[in-house]
Amino acid sequence: MQKTALITGITGQDGSYLAELLLEKGYEVHGIVRRSSTFGTERIDHLYHDPHEKPNLHLHYGDLSDGTNLRKLLAQVQPDEIYNLGAQSHVRVSFDQPEYTADVVGTGVLRLLEAMRDTIQDTGKQMKLYQAGSSEMFGAAAPPQSEATPFWPRSPYAVAKVAGHWYCVNYRESYGLFISNGILFNHASPRRRETFVTRKITRALTRIKLGLQEKLYLGNLDSKRDWGFAGDYVRAMWMMLQHDEPGDFVVSTNEAYSVREFLDKAAGLLDMDWNEVVEFDPRYLRPAEVDYLLGDSTKAREAFGWKPEVTFDQLVKMMVDGDMHKAKQELAIREAGLERA
């Protein structure tokens, strides 16, 4: 029997990799996208086909702020597996939009859980749910951080993620639903938005290397993060829902590097001295900083055999190579005089 999956946030970095993985495994995949005046589907355009050709990927308009629509979609799709990846996921922006972040990232989970519970009750269809947690929930807690580490969130985004996490635990314990929380540490890829520091670095350094820009402005260079490859992490999401029992699982590489060390690796690949082009900008500091996130993913590795396949060095090279390709395309367009007015 072909399985059906529903992904919120399918147009994001993780959503696109997860959609690829599920389609490769023969799933029928449904994704929720927010309506806007511009298209934001570039990460999944290579997966999407004319709906008249009976594709295995289907897109629906929806939003985690709209509980009525979520109920309609679950009743229509009746998925075997739900992956909740939708969020306002930029930590620094959450300080500027705390109410919106809380509504979508925190209360949005509650709306989805209620829609899931109602649909199961109405249809008898059994469903499993994956909730995308974040290492930001640990915040100021001392490393290494595991499932047993108390949460100490340091941003509106992290507080909202903690709320979503505990909603899931409560519904799992109260109603016997199959719900797993993935507490994912930082993960990146060439598909990461350019506002996130890893992609911001590789995008800027490759453009500087080709003379397309002069400076890169950053905030705290000493913060340390456990960085992995997004493609590895979506595999962990899928494995959680194939596991016999639901639970809470940290997903991490168990290694941490500073922003400064990421700069060193990326600049080294480009034969550059980043000290000559990087400048400090206090606007990129958070009101409450998170200094050191280092995961301990022993539980996931032992429970269902997950482990990362891409190393830190390989991840940095992958991102530098991807952005150098884009920078060369940009330079060719500029030299041909084909830039938009």
C-alpha atoms as a PDB file:
ATOM      1  CA  MET A   1       0.000   0.000   0.000  1.00  0.00           C
ATOM      2  CA  GLN A   2       1.337   3.424  -0.973  1.00  0.00           C
ATOM      3  CA  LYS A   3       1.800   5.698   2.031  1.00  0.00           C
ATOM      4  CA  THR A   4       0.640   9.309   2.051  1.00  0.00           C
ATOM      5  CA  ALA A   5       2.527  12.101   3.813  1.00  0.00           C
ATOM      6  CA  LEU A   6       1.572  15.703   4.539  1.00  0.00           C
ATOM      7  CA  ILE A   7       4.371  18.251   5.013  1.00  0.00           C
ATOM      8  CA  THR A   8       3.881  21.734   6.431  1.00  0.00           C
ATOM      9  CA  GLY A   9       6.719  24.041   5.386  1.00  0.00           C
ATOM     10  CA  ILE A  10       7.414  21.971   2.277  1.00  0.00           C
ATOM     11  CA  THR A  11       8.989  24.920   0.444  1.00  0.00           C
ATOM     12  CA  GLY A  12      11.675  25.351   3.117  1.00  0.00           C
ATOM     13  CA  GLN A  13      15.120  23.789   3.180  1.00  0.00           C
ATOM     14  CA  ASP A  14      14.048  20.751   5.214  1.00  0.00           C
ATOM     15  CA  GLY A  15      10.723  20.405   3.438  1.00  0.00           C
ATOM     16  CA  SER A  16      12.364  20.139   0.045  1.00  0.00           C
ATOM     17  CA  TYR A  17      14.858  17.474   1.148  1.00  0.00           C
ATOM     18  CA  LEU A  18      12.123  15.545   2.954  1.00  0.00           C
ATOM     19  CA  ALA A  19       9.834  15.671  -0.081  1.00  0.00           C
ATOM     20  CA  GLU A  20      12.663  14.246  -2.212  1.00  0.00           C
ATOM     21  CA  LEU A  21      13.278  11.455   0.283  1.00  0.00           C
ATOM     22  CA  LEU A  22       9.605  10.475   0.555  1.00  0.00           C
ATOM     23  CA  LEU A  23       9.042  10.553  -3.205  1.00  0.00           C
ATOM     24  CA  GLU A  24      12.076   8.302  -3.670  1.00  0.00           C
ATOM     25  CA  LYS A  25      10.471   5.896  -1.196  1.00  0.00           C
ATOM     26  CA  GLY A  26       7.249   5.820  -3.209  1.00  0.00           C
ATOM     27  CA  TYR A  27       5.091   8.072  -1.035  1.00  0.00           C
ATOM     28  CA  GLU A  28       2.301  10.285  -2.270  1.00  0.00           C
ATOM     29  CA  VAL A  29       3.376  13.645  -0.865  1.00  0.00           C
ATOM     30  CA  HIS A  30       1.131  16.590  -0.050  1.00  0.00           C
ATOM     31  CA  GLY A  31       2.610  19.932   0.942  1.00  0.00           C
ATOM     32  CA  ILE A  32       1.114  23.028   2.541  1.00  0.00           C
ATOM     33  CA  VAL A  33       2.255  26.384   1.166  1.00  0.00           C
ATOM     34  CA  ARG A  34       1.315  29.863   2.331  1.00  0.00           C
ATOM     35  CA  ARG A  35      -0.405  32.115  -0.171  1.00  0.00           C
ATOM     36  CA  SER A  36       1.635  35.165  -1.158  1.00  0.00           C
ATOM     37  CA  SER A  37       1.930  37.524  -4.100  1.00  0.00           C
ATOM     38  CA  THR A  38       5.232  35.909  -5.127  1.00  0.00           C
ATOM     39  CA  PHE A  39       6.108  32.258  -5.678  1.00  0.00           C
ATOM     40  CA  GLY A  40       8.417  30.676  -3.115  1.00  0.00           C
ATOM     41  CA  THR A  41       8.569  27.159  -4.489  1.00  0.00           C
ATOM     42  CA  GLU A  42      12.033  27.299  -6.053  1.00  0.00           C
ATOM     43  CA  ARG A  43      13.384  24.564  -3.757  1.00  0.00           C
ATOM     44  CA  ILE A  44      10.762  22.057  -4.945  1.00  0.00           C
ATOM     45  CA  ASP A  45      10.231  23.169  -8.551  1.00  0.00           C
ATOM     46  CA  HIS A  46      12.329  20.212  -9.760  1.00  0.00           C
ATOM     47  CA  LEU A  47       9.900  17.856  -7.999  1.00  0.00           C
ATOM     48  CA  TYR A  48       6.645  19.411  -9.135  1.00  0.00           C
ATOM     49  CA  HIS A  49       4.844  18.385 -12.318  1.00  0.00           C
ATOM     50  CA  ASP A  50       1.664  19.361 -14.117  1.00  0.00           C
ATOM     51  CA  PRO A  51      -1.188  18.260 -11.799  1.00  0.00           C
ATOM     52  CA  HIS A  52      -2.987  16.856 -14.854  1.00  0.00           C
ATOM     53  CA  GLU A  53      -0.232  14.232 -15.203  1.00  0.00           C
ATOM     54  CA  LYS A  54      -1.180  12.437 -11.938  1.00  0.00           C
ATOM     55  CA  PRO A  55       1.986  13.347 -10.021  1.00  0.00           C
ATOM     56  CA  ASN A  56       2.909  12.075  -6.558  1.00  0.00           C
ATOM     57  CA  LEU A  57       3.455  15.626  -5.252  1.00  0.00           C
ATOM     58  CA  HIS A  58       0.452  17.834  -4.506  1.00  0.00           C
ATOM     59  CA  LEU A  59       0.485  21.365  -3.092  1.00  0.00           C
ATOM     60  CA  HIS A  60      -2.289  22.984  -1.056  1.00  0.00           C
ATOM     61  CA  TYR A  61      -2.693  26.505   0.249  1.00  0.00           C
ATOM     62  CA  GLY A  62      -2.792  26.657   4.021  1.00  0.00           C
ATOM     63  CA  ASP A  63      -1.284  28.183   7.132  1.00  0.00           C
ATOM     64  CA  LEU A  64      -0.606  27.064  10.691  1.00  0.00           C
ATOM     65  CA  SER A  65      -2.545  30.127  11.845  1.00  0.00           C
ATOM     66  CA  ASP A  66      -5.751  28.743  10.261  1.00  0.00           C
ATOM     67  CA  GLY A  67      -7.104  25.787  12.216  1.00  0.00           C
ATOM     68  CA  THR A  68     -10.243  25.399  10.097  1.00  0.00           C
ATOM     69  CA  ASN A  69      -8.189  24.977   6.946  1.00  0.00           C
ATOM     70  CA  LEU A  70      -5.894  22.462   8.659  1.00  0.00           C
ATOM     71  CA  ARG A  71      -8.908  20.329   9.574  1.00  0.00           C
ATOM     72  CA  LYS A  72     -10.186  20.427   5.987  1.00  0.00           C
ATOM     73  CA  LEU A  73      -6.796  19.420   4.594  1.00  0.00           C
ATOM     74  CA  LEU A  74      -6.348  16.503   6.989  1.00  0.00           C
ATOM     75  CA  ALA A  75      -9.857  15.257   6.250  1.00  0.00           C
ATOM     76  CA  GLN A  76      -9.177  15.544   2.516  1.00  0.00           C
ATOM     77  CA  VAL A  77      -5.675  14.049   2.421  1.00  0.00           C
ATOM     78  CA  GLN A  78      -5.963  11.606   5.356  1.00  0.00           C
ATOM     79  CA  PRO A  79      -2.191  11.169   5.549  1.00  0.00           C
ATOM     80  CA  ASP A  80      -0.410   8.259   7.180  1.00  0.00           C
ATOM     81  CA  GLU A  81       2.358  10.594   8.298  1.00  0.00           C
ATOM     82  CA  ILE A  82       2.378  14.326   9.089  1.00  0.00           C
ATOM     83  CA  TYR A  83       5.630  16.285   9.212  1.00  0.00           C
ATOM     84  CA  ASN A  84       5.233  19.693  10.850  1.00  0.00           C
ATOM     85  CA  LEU A  85       8.158  21.744   9.532  1.00  0.00           C
ATOM     86  CA  GLY A  86       6.267  25.020   9.093  1.00  0.00           C
ATOM     87  CA  ALA A  87       7.488  27.945  11.195  1.00  0.00           C
ATOM     88  CA  GLN A  88       8.772  31.481  11.365  1.00  0.00           C
ATOM     89  CA  SER A  89      12.211  29.972  11.796  1.00  0.00           C
ATOM     90  CA  HIS A  90      14.587  32.938  12.015  1.00  0.00           C
ATOM     91  CA  VAL A  91      15.685  33.382  15.629  1.00  0.00           C
ATOM     92  CA  ARG A  92      16.757  37.025  15.347  1.00  0.00           C
ATOM     93  CA  VAL A  93      13.533  37.979  13.529  1.00  0.00           C
ATOM     94  CA  SER A  94      11.500  36.406  16.333  1.00  0.00           C
ATOM     95  CA  PHE A  95      12.593  39.264  18.595  1.00  0.00           C
ATOM     96  CA  ASP A  96      11.073  41.687  16.079  1.00  0.00           C
ATOM     97  CA  GLN A  97       7.898  39.621  15.529  1.00  0.00           C
ATOM     98  CA  PRO A  98       7.347  37.817  18.834  1.00  0.00           C
ATOM     99  CA  GLU A  99       3.530  37.584  18.680  1.00  0.00           C
ATOM    100  CA  TYR A 100       3.483  36.243  15.119  1.00  0.00           C
ATOM    101  CA  THR A 101       6.258  33.774  15.968  1.00  0.00           C
ATOM    102  CA  ALA A 102       4.384  32.548  19.053  1.00  0.00           C
ATOM    103  CA  ASP A 103       1.156  32.143  17.075  1.00  0.00           C
ATOM    104  CA  VAL A 104       2.649  30.121  14.219  1.00  0.00           C
ATOM    105  CA  VAL A 105       5.461  28.239  15.959  1.00  0.00           C
ATOM    106  CA  GLY A 106       3.703  27.524  19.248  1.00  0.00           C
ATOM    107  CA  THR A 107      -0.076  27.756  18.889  1.00  0.00           C
ATOM    108  CA  GLY A 108       0.181  26.490  15.311  1.00  0.00           C
ATOM    109  CA  VAL A 109       1.300  23.125  16.691  1.00  0.00           C
ATOM    110  CA  LEU A 110      -1.757  23.029  18.942  1.00  0.00           C
ATOM    111  CA  ARG A 111      -4.045  23.732  15.981  1.00  0.00           C
ATOM    112  CA  LEU A 112      -2.451  20.913  14.008  1.00  0.00           C
ATOM    113  CA  LEU A 113      -2.740  18.494  16.928  1.00  0.00           C
ATOM    114  CA  GLU A 114      -6.424  19.302  17.363  1.00  0.00           C
ATOM    115  CA  ALA A 115      -7.007  18.844  13.631  1.00  0.00           C
ATOM    116  CA  MET A 116      -5.194  15.507  13.771  1.00  0.00           C
ATOM    117  CA  ARG A 117      -7.146  14.321  16.811  1.00  0.00           C
ATOM    118  CA  ASP A 118     -10.493  15.319  15.296  1.00  0.00           C
ATOM    119  CA  THR A 119      -9.714  13.679  11.948  1.00  0.00           C
ATOM    120  CA  ILE A 120      -8.669  10.414  13.611  1.00  0.00           C
ATOM    121  CA  GLN A 121     -11.862  10.442  15.670  1.00  0.00           C
ATOM    122  CA  ASP A 122     -14.072  11.233  12.669  1.00  0.00           C
ATOM    123  CA  THR A 123     -12.504   8.881  10.130  1.00  0.00           C
ATOM    124  CA  GLY A 124     -10.778   6.165  12.150  1.00  0.00           C
ATOM    125  CA  LYS A 125      -7.656   6.785  10.072  1.00  0.00           C
ATOM    126  CA  GLN A 126      -4.484   6.266  12.095  1.00  0.00           C
ATOM    127  CA  MET A 127      -1.844   8.976  11.677  1.00  0.00           C
ATOM    128  CA  LYS A 128       1.671   9.630  12.943  1.00  0.00           C
ATOM    129  CA  LEU A 129       3.065  13.119  13.501  1.00  0.00           C
ATOM    130  CA  TYR A 130       6.621  14.434  13.498  1.00  0.00           C
ATOM    131  CA  GLN A 131       7.149  17.777  15.243  1.00  0.00           C
ATOM    132  CA  ALA A 132      10.239  19.787  14.301  1.00  0.00           C
ATOM    133  CA  GLY A 133      11.873  20.935  17.504  1.00  0.00           C
ATOM    134  CA  SER A 134      15.075  22.940  17.733  1.00  0.00           C
ATOM    135  CA  SER A 135      18.312  22.986  19.683  1.00  0.00           C
ATOM    136  CA  GLU A 136      17.466  26.635  20.404  1.00  0.00           C
ATOM    137  CA  MET A 137      15.089  25.263  23.050  1.00  0.00           C
ATOM    138  CA  PHE A 138      18.161  24.408  25.144  1.00  0.00           C
ATOM    139  CA  GLY A 139      19.443  27.982  24.910  1.00  0.00           C
ATOM    140  CA  ALA A 140      21.695  28.691  27.854  1.00  0.00           C
ATOM    141  CA  ALA A 141      21.763  25.096  29.149  1.00  0.00           C
ATOM    142  CA  ALA A 142      25.285  23.708  29.546  1.00  0.00           C
ATOM    143  CA  PRO A 143      26.549  21.445  26.739  1.00  0.00           C
ATOM    144  CA  PRO A 144      26.325  18.706  25.727  1.00  0.00           C
ATOM    145  CA  GLN A 145      22.536  18.783  25.448  1.00  0.00           C
ATOM    146  CA  SER A 146      20.468  15.586  25.304  1.00  0.00           C
ATOM    147  CA  GLU A 147      16.824  14.645  25.793  1.00  0.00           C
ATOM    148  CA  ALA A 148      17.412  14.832  29.558  1.00  0.00           C
ATOM    149  CA  THR A 149      18.729  18.419  29.458  1.00  0.00           C
ATOM    150  CA  PRO A 150      16.252  21.008  30.837  1.00  0.00           C
ATOM    151  CA  PHE A 151      15.138  23.610  28.304  1.00  0.00           C
ATOM    152  CA  TRP A 152      16.359  27.190  28.810  1.00  0.00           C
ATOM    153  CA  PRO A 153      15.042  29.134  25.782  1.00  0.00           C
ATOM    154  CA  ARG A 154      16.606  32.512  24.998  1.00  0.00           C
ATOM    155  CA  SER A 155      14.369  33.885  22.222  1.00  0.00           C
ATOM    156  CA  PRO A 156      10.664  34.147  21.370  1.00  0.00           C
ATOM    157  CA  TYR A 157      11.286  31.513  18.692  1.00  0.00           C
ATOM    158  CA  ALA A 158      12.804  29.098  21.217  1.00  0.00           C
ATOM    159  CA  VAL A 159      10.033  29.718  23.756  1.00  0.00           C
ATOM    160  CA  ALA A 160       7.427  28.968  21.081  1.00  0.00           C
ATOM    161  CA  LYS A 161       9.268  25.789  20.070  1.00  0.00           C
ATOM    162  CA  VAL A 162       9.270  24.672  23.710  1.00  0.00           C
ATOM    163  CA  ALA A 163       5.510  25.233  23.834  1.00  0.00           C
ATOM    164  CA  GLY A 164       5.032  23.166  20.666  1.00  0.00           C
ATOM    165  CA  HIS A 165       7.224  20.405  22.104  1.00  0.00           C
ATOM    166  CA  TRP A 166       5.193  20.137  25.312  1.00  0.00           C
ATOM    167  CA  TYR A 167       1.883  20.283  23.436  1.00  0.00           C
ATOM    168  CA  CYS A 168       3.072  17.210  21.545  1.00  0.00           C
ATOM    169  CA  VAL A 169       4.157  15.391  24.708  1.00  0.00           C
ATOM    170  CA  ASN A 170       0.816  16.207  26.326  1.00  0.00           C
ATOM    171  CA  TYR A 171      -1.259  14.966  23.388  1.00  0.00           C
ATOM    172  CA  ARG A 172       0.849  11.822  23.110  1.00  0.00           C
ATOM    173  CA  GLU A 173       0.331  11.044  26.782  1.00  0.00           C
ATOM    174  CA  SER A 174      -3.306  12.181  26.977  1.00  0.00           C
ATOM    175  CA  TYR A 175      -4.720  10.644  23.809  1.00  0.00           C
ATOM    176  CA  GLY A 176      -2.250   7.885  22.918  1.00  0.00           C
ATOM    177  CA  LEU A 177      -1.303   9.527  19.618  1.00  0.00           C
ATOM    178  CA  PHE A 178       1.881   8.562  17.767  1.00  0.00           C
ATOM    179  CA  ILE A 179       3.800  11.841  18.022  1.00  0.00           C
ATOM    180  CA  SER A 180       7.581  12.186  17.956  1.00  0.00           C
ATOM    181  CA  ASN A 181       9.532  15.334  18.719  1.00  0.00           C
ATOM    182  CA  GLY A 182      12.772  15.743  16.806  1.00  0.00           C
ATOM    183  CA  ILE A 183      15.093  18.136  18.631  1.00  0.00           C
ATOM    184  CA  LEU A 184      17.294  19.027  15.673  1.00  0.00           C
ATOM    185  CA  PHE A 185      20.538  20.884  16.096  1.00  0.00           C
ATOM    186  CA  ASN A 186      21.666  23.359  13.447  1.00  0.00           C
ATOM    187  CA  HIS A 187      21.643  21.972   9.940  1.00  0.00           C
ATOM    188  CA  ALA A 188      22.453  23.667   6.665  1.00  0.00           C
ATOM    189  CA  SER A 189      22.842  23.046   2.932  1.00  0.00           C
ATOM    190  CA  PRO A 190      23.118  24.936  -0.351  1.00  0.00           C
ATOM    191  CA  ARG A 191      19.326  25.414  -0.035  1.00  0.00           C
ATOM    192  CA  ARG A 192      19.566  27.356   3.233  1.00  0.00           C
ATOM    193  CA  ARG A 193      18.136  30.882   3.138  1.00  0.00           C
ATOM    194  CA  GLU A 194      20.818  33.553   2.778  1.00  0.00           C
ATOM    195  CA  THR A 195      19.722  35.214   6.034  1.00  0.00           C
ATOM    196  CA  PHE A 196      21.075  32.254   8.054  1.00  0.00           C
ATOM    197  CA  VAL A 197      24.702  32.725   9.033  1.00  0.00           C
ATOM    198  CA  THR A 198      26.226  29.671   7.302  1.00  0.00           C
ATOM    199  CA  ARG A 199      24.659  30.455   3.942  1.00  0.00           C
ATOM    200  CA  LYS A 200      25.252  34.164   4.443  1.00  0.00           C
ATOM    201  CA  ILE A 201      28.953  33.405   4.796  1.00  0.00           C
ATOM    202  CA  THR A 202      29.337  31.132   1.772  1.00  0.00           C
ATOM    203  CA  ARG A 203      27.192  33.370  -0.436  1.00  0.00           C
ATOM    204  CA  ALA A 204      29.092  36.515   0.506  1.00  0.00           C
ATOM    205  CA  LEU A 205      32.617  35.074   0.344  1.00  0.00           C
ATOM    206  CA  THR A 206      32.097  33.600  -3.122  1.00  0.00           C
ATOM    207  CA  ARG A 207      30.665  36.908  -4.369  1.00  0.00           C
ATOM    208  CA  ILE A 208      33.573  38.820  -2.826  1.00  0.00           C
ATOM    209  CA  LYS A 209      36.007  36.394  -4.447  1.00  0.00           C
ATOM    210  CA  LEU A 210      34.554  37.290  -7.866  1.00  0.00           C
ATOM    211  CA  GLY A 211      34.359  41.021  -7.157  1.00  0.00           C
ATOM    212  CA  LEU A 212      30.569  41.127  -6.876  1.00  0.00           C
ATOM    213  CA  GLN A 213      30.577  42.646  -3.375  1.00  0.00           C
ATOM    214  CA  GLU A 214      33.128  44.122  -0.995  1.00  0.00           C
ATOM    215  CA  LYS A 215      32.219  43.321   2.617  1.00  0.00           C
ATOM    216  CA  LEU A 216      30.457  40.759   4.790  1.00  0.00           C
ATOM    217  CA  TYR A 217      28.831  42.041   7.985  1.00  0.00           C
ATOM    218  CA  LEU A 218      28.354  39.629  10.890  1.00  0.00           C
ATOM    219  CA  GLY A 219      27.538  39.649  14.592  1.00  0.00           C
ATOM    220  CA  ASN A 220      28.878  37.217  17.201  1.00  0.00           C
ATOM    221  CA  LEU A 221      31.718  35.146  15.724  1.00  0.00           C
ATOM    222  CA  ASP A 222      32.363  33.174  18.910  1.00  0.00           C
ATOM    223  CA  SER A 223      29.016  31.402  19.241  1.00  0.00           C
ATOM    224  CA  LYS A 224      29.429  27.644  18.761  1.00  0.00           C
ATOM    225  CA  ARG A 225      26.963  25.381  16.999  1.00  0.00           C
ATOM    226  CA  ASP A 226      26.567  21.691  16.177  1.00  0.00           C
ATOM    227  CA  TRP A 227      26.176  21.902  12.368  1.00  0.00           C
ATOM    228  CA  GLY A 228      25.014  19.031  10.183  1.00  0.00           C
ATOM    229  CA  PHE A 229      23.648  18.485   6.672  1.00  0.00           C
ATOM    230  CA  ALA A 230      19.902  18.967   6.213  1.00  0.00           C
ATOM    231  CA  GLY A 231      19.656  15.898   3.978  1.00  0.00           C
ATOM    232  CA  ASP A 232      20.923  13.714   6.821  1.00  0.00           C
ATOM    233  CA  TYR A 233      18.497  15.268   9.289  1.00  0.00           C
ATOM    234  CA  VAL A 234      15.324  14.704   7.247  1.00  0.00           C
ATOM    235  CA  ARG A 235      16.293  11.036   7.093  1.00  0.00           C
ATOM    236  CA  ALA A 236      16.149  11.053  10.912  1.00  0.00           C
ATOM    237  CA  MET A 237      12.651  12.565  10.757  1.00  0.00           C
ATOM    238  CA  TRP A 238      11.433   9.723   8.571  1.00  0.00           C
ATOM    239  CA  MET A 239      13.144   7.087  10.723  1.00  0.00           C
ATOM    240  CA  MET A 240      11.400   8.422  13.838  1.00  0.00           C
ATOM    241  CA  LEU A 241       8.001   7.728  12.329  1.00  0.00           C
ATOM    242  CA  GLN A 242       9.049   4.220  11.246  1.00  0.00           C
ATOM    243  CA  HIS A 243      10.241   3.416  14.779  1.00  0.00           C
ATOM    244  CA  ASP A 244       8.041   1.145  16.905  1.00  0.00           C
ATOM    245  CA  GLU A 245       7.457   3.719  19.643  1.00  0.00           C
ATOM    246  CA  PRO A 246       7.054   7.510  19.527  1.00  0.00           C
ATOM    247  CA  GLY A 247       9.343   9.651  21.635  1.00  0.00           C
ATOM    248  CA  ASP A 248      11.648  12.643  21.831  1.00  0.00           C
ATOM    249  CA  PHE A 249      14.969  12.423  20.009  1.00  0.00           C
ATOM    250  CA  VAL A 250      17.964  14.749  19.699  1.00  0.00           C
ATOM    251  CA  VAL A 251      19.463  14.797  16.183  1.00  0.00           C
ATOM    252  CA  SER A 252      23.024  16.124  16.021  1.00  0.00           C
ATOM    253  CA  THR A 253      26.558  15.431  14.829  1.00  0.00           C
ATOM    254  CA  ASN A 254      27.915  15.594  18.409  1.00  0.00           C
ATOM    255  CA  GLU A 255      30.556  18.107  17.266  1.00  0.00           C
ATOM    256  CA  ALA A 256      30.497  21.896  17.600  1.00  0.00           C
ATOM    257  CA  TYR A 257      32.288  24.678  15.732  1.00  0.00           C
ATOM    258  CA  SER A 258      32.261  28.455  16.136  1.00  0.00           C
ATOM    259  CA  VAL A 259      31.117  30.893  13.471  1.00  0.00           C
ATOM    260  CA  ARG A 260      34.783  31.918  13.297  1.00  0.00           C
ATOM    261  CA  GLU A 261      35.778  28.322  12.494  1.00  0.00           C
ATOM    262  CA  PHE A 262      33.104  28.129   9.794  1.00  0.00           C
ATOM    263  CA  LEU A 263      34.599  31.298   8.304  1.00  0.00           C
ATOM    264  CA  ASP A 264      38.077  29.768   8.442  1.00  0.00           C
ATOM    265  CA  LYS A 265      36.936  26.648   6.563  1.00  0.00           C
ATOM    266  CA  ALA A 266      34.967  28.522   3.902  1.00  0.00           C
ATOM    267  CA  ALA A 267      37.638  31.173   3.297  1.00  0.00           C
ATOM    268  CA  GLY A 268      40.341  28.497   3.174  1.00  0.00           C
ATOM    269  CA  LEU A 269      38.546  26.744   0.336  1.00  0.00           C
ATOM    270  CA  LEU A 270      38.539  30.045  -1.552  1.00  0.00           C
ATOM    271  CA  ASP A 271      42.151  30.945  -0.683  1.00  0.00           C
ATOM    272  CA  MET A 272      40.959  34.098   1.066  1.00  0.00           C
ATOM    273  CA  ASP A 273      41.752  35.926   4.310  1.00  0.00           C
ATOM    274  CA  TRP A 274      38.293  36.655   5.694  1.00  0.00           C
ATOM    275  CA  ASN A 275      39.730  39.147   8.207  1.00  0.00           C
ATOM    276  CA  GLU A 276      40.173  41.557   5.309  1.00  0.00           C
ATOM    277  CA  VAL A 277      36.498  41.521   4.274  1.00  0.00           C
ATOM    278  CA  VAL A 278      34.425  40.745   7.394  1.00  0.00           C
ATOM    279  CA  GLU A 279      33.200  43.558   9.632  1.00  0.00           C
ATOM    280  CA  PHE A 280      31.230  43.501  12.868  1.00  0.00           C
ATOM    281  CA  ASP A 281      27.665  44.851  12.903  1.00  0.00           C
ATOM    282  CA  PRO A 282      25.850  45.023  16.262  1.00  0.00           C
ATOM    283  CA  ARG A 283      22.492  44.808  14.498  1.00  0.00           C
ATOM    284  CA  TYR A 284      23.089  41.079  14.126  1.00  0.00           C
ATOM    285  CA  LEU A 285      23.451  40.475  17.861  1.00  0.00           C
ATOM    286  CA  ARG A 286      20.493  38.984  19.710  1.00  0.00           C
ATOM    287  CA  PRO A 287      19.119  40.637  22.869  1.00  0.00           C
ATOM    288  CA  ALA A 288      19.850  37.307  24.611  1.00  0.00           C
ATOM    289  CA  GLU A 289      22.672  35.295  23.052  1.00  0.00           C
ATOM    290  CA  VAL A 290      23.027  31.506  22.894  1.00  0.00           C
ATOM    291  CA  ASP A 291      26.728  30.766  23.192  1.00  0.00           C
ATOM    292  CA  TYR A 292      27.232  27.024  22.883  1.00  0.00           C
ATOM    293  CA  LEU A 293      24.997  24.294  21.457  1.00  0.00           C
ATOM    294  CA  LEU A 294      26.431  20.776  21.284  1.00  0.00           C
ATOM    295  CA  GLY A 295      24.123  17.810  20.834  1.00  0.00           C
ATOM    296  CA  ASP A 296      24.236  14.296  22.217  1.00  0.00           C
ATOM    297  CA  SER A 297      22.250  12.116  19.779  1.00  0.00           C
ATOM    298  CA  THR A 298      23.100   8.792  21.431  1.00  0.00           C
ATOM    299  CA  LYS A 299      19.421   7.918  21.928  1.00  0.00           C
ATOM    300  CA  ALA A 300      18.526   8.259  18.227  1.00  0.00           C
ATOM    301  CA  ARG A 301      21.636   6.376  17.129  1.00  0.00           C
ATOM    302  CA  GLU A 302      20.873   3.463  19.433  1.00  0.00           C
ATOM    303  CA  ALA A 303      17.066   3.440  19.040  1.00  0.00           C
ATOM    304  CA  PHE A 304      16.794   3.364  15.249  1.00  0.00           C
ATOM    305  CA  GLY A 305      20.319   3.425  13.884  1.00  0.00           C
ATOM    306  CA  TRP A 306      20.510   6.968  12.558  1.00  0.00           C
ATOM    307  CA  LYS A 307      23.861   8.687  12.127  1.00  0.00           C
ATOM    308  CA  PRO A 308      25.045  11.607   9.992  1.00  0.00           C
ATOM    309  CA  GLU A 309      26.839  10.808   6.749  1.00  0.00           C
ATOM    310  CA  VAL A 310      28.109  14.290   5.767  1.00  0.00           C
ATOM    311  CA  THR A 311      30.986  15.725   7.826  1.00  0.00           C
ATOM    312  CA  PHE A 312      31.418  19.370   8.778  1.00  0.00           C
ATOM    313  CA  ASP A 313      34.192  19.831   6.202  1.00  0.00           C
ATOM    314  CA  GLN A 314      32.064  18.224   3.493  1.00  0.00           C
ATOM    315  CA  LEU A 315      29.115  20.451   4.377  1.00  0.00           C
ATOM    316  CA  VAL A 316      31.175  23.636   4.123  1.00  0.00           C
ATOM    317  CA  LYS A 317      32.627  22.551   0.779  1.00  0.00           C
ATOM    318  CA  MET A 318      29.182  21.633  -0.530  1.00  0.00           C
ATOM    319  CA  MET A 319      27.885  25.099   0.340  1.00  0.00           C
ATOM    320  CA  VAL A 320      30.936  26.943  -1.010  1.00  0.00           C
ATOM    321  CA  ASP A 321      30.777  25.007  -4.286  1.00  0.00           C
ATOM    322  CA  GLY A 322      27.056  25.694  -4.628  1.00  0.00           C
ATOM    323  CA  ASP A 323      27.425  29.403  -4.023  1.00  0.00           C
ATOM    324  CA  MET A 324      30.478  29.707  -6.265  1.00  0.00           C
ATOM    325  CA  HIS A 325      28.360  28.249  -9.065  1.00  0.00           C
ATOM    326  CA  LYS A 326      25.669  30.853  -8.380  1.00  0.00           C
ATOM    327  CA  ALA A 327      28.232  33.667  -8.156  1.00  0.00           C
ATOM    328  CA  LYS A 328      29.736  32.687 -11.518  1.00  0.00           C
ATOM    329  CA  GLN A 329      26.278  32.729 -13.084  1.00  0.00           C
ATOM    330  CA  GLU A 330      25.656  36.169 -11.586  1.00  0.00           C
ATOM    331  CA  LEU A 331      28.999  37.442 -12.914  1.00  0.00           C
ATOM    332  CA  ALA A 332      28.280  36.097 -16.410  1.00  0.00           C
ATOM    333  CA  ILE A 333      24.908  37.850 -16.445  1.00  0.00           C
ATOM    334  CA  ARG A 334      26.493  41.108 -15.284  1.00  0.00           C
ATOM    335  CA  GLU A 335      29.259  40.937 -17.879  1.00  0.00           C
ATOM    336  CA  ALA A 336      26.707  40.215 -20.602  1.00  0.00           C
ATOM    337  CA  GLY A 337      24.756  43.319 -19.568  1.00  0.00           C
ATOM    338  CA  LEU A 338      21.618  41.256 -18.896  1.00  0.00           C
ATOM    339  CA  GLU A 339      20.945  42.478 -15.367  1.00  0.00           C
ATOM    340  CA  ARG A 340      17.466  43.726 -14.575  1.00  0.00           C
ATOM    341  CA  ALA A 341      17.057  47.473 -14.642  1.00  0.00           C
END
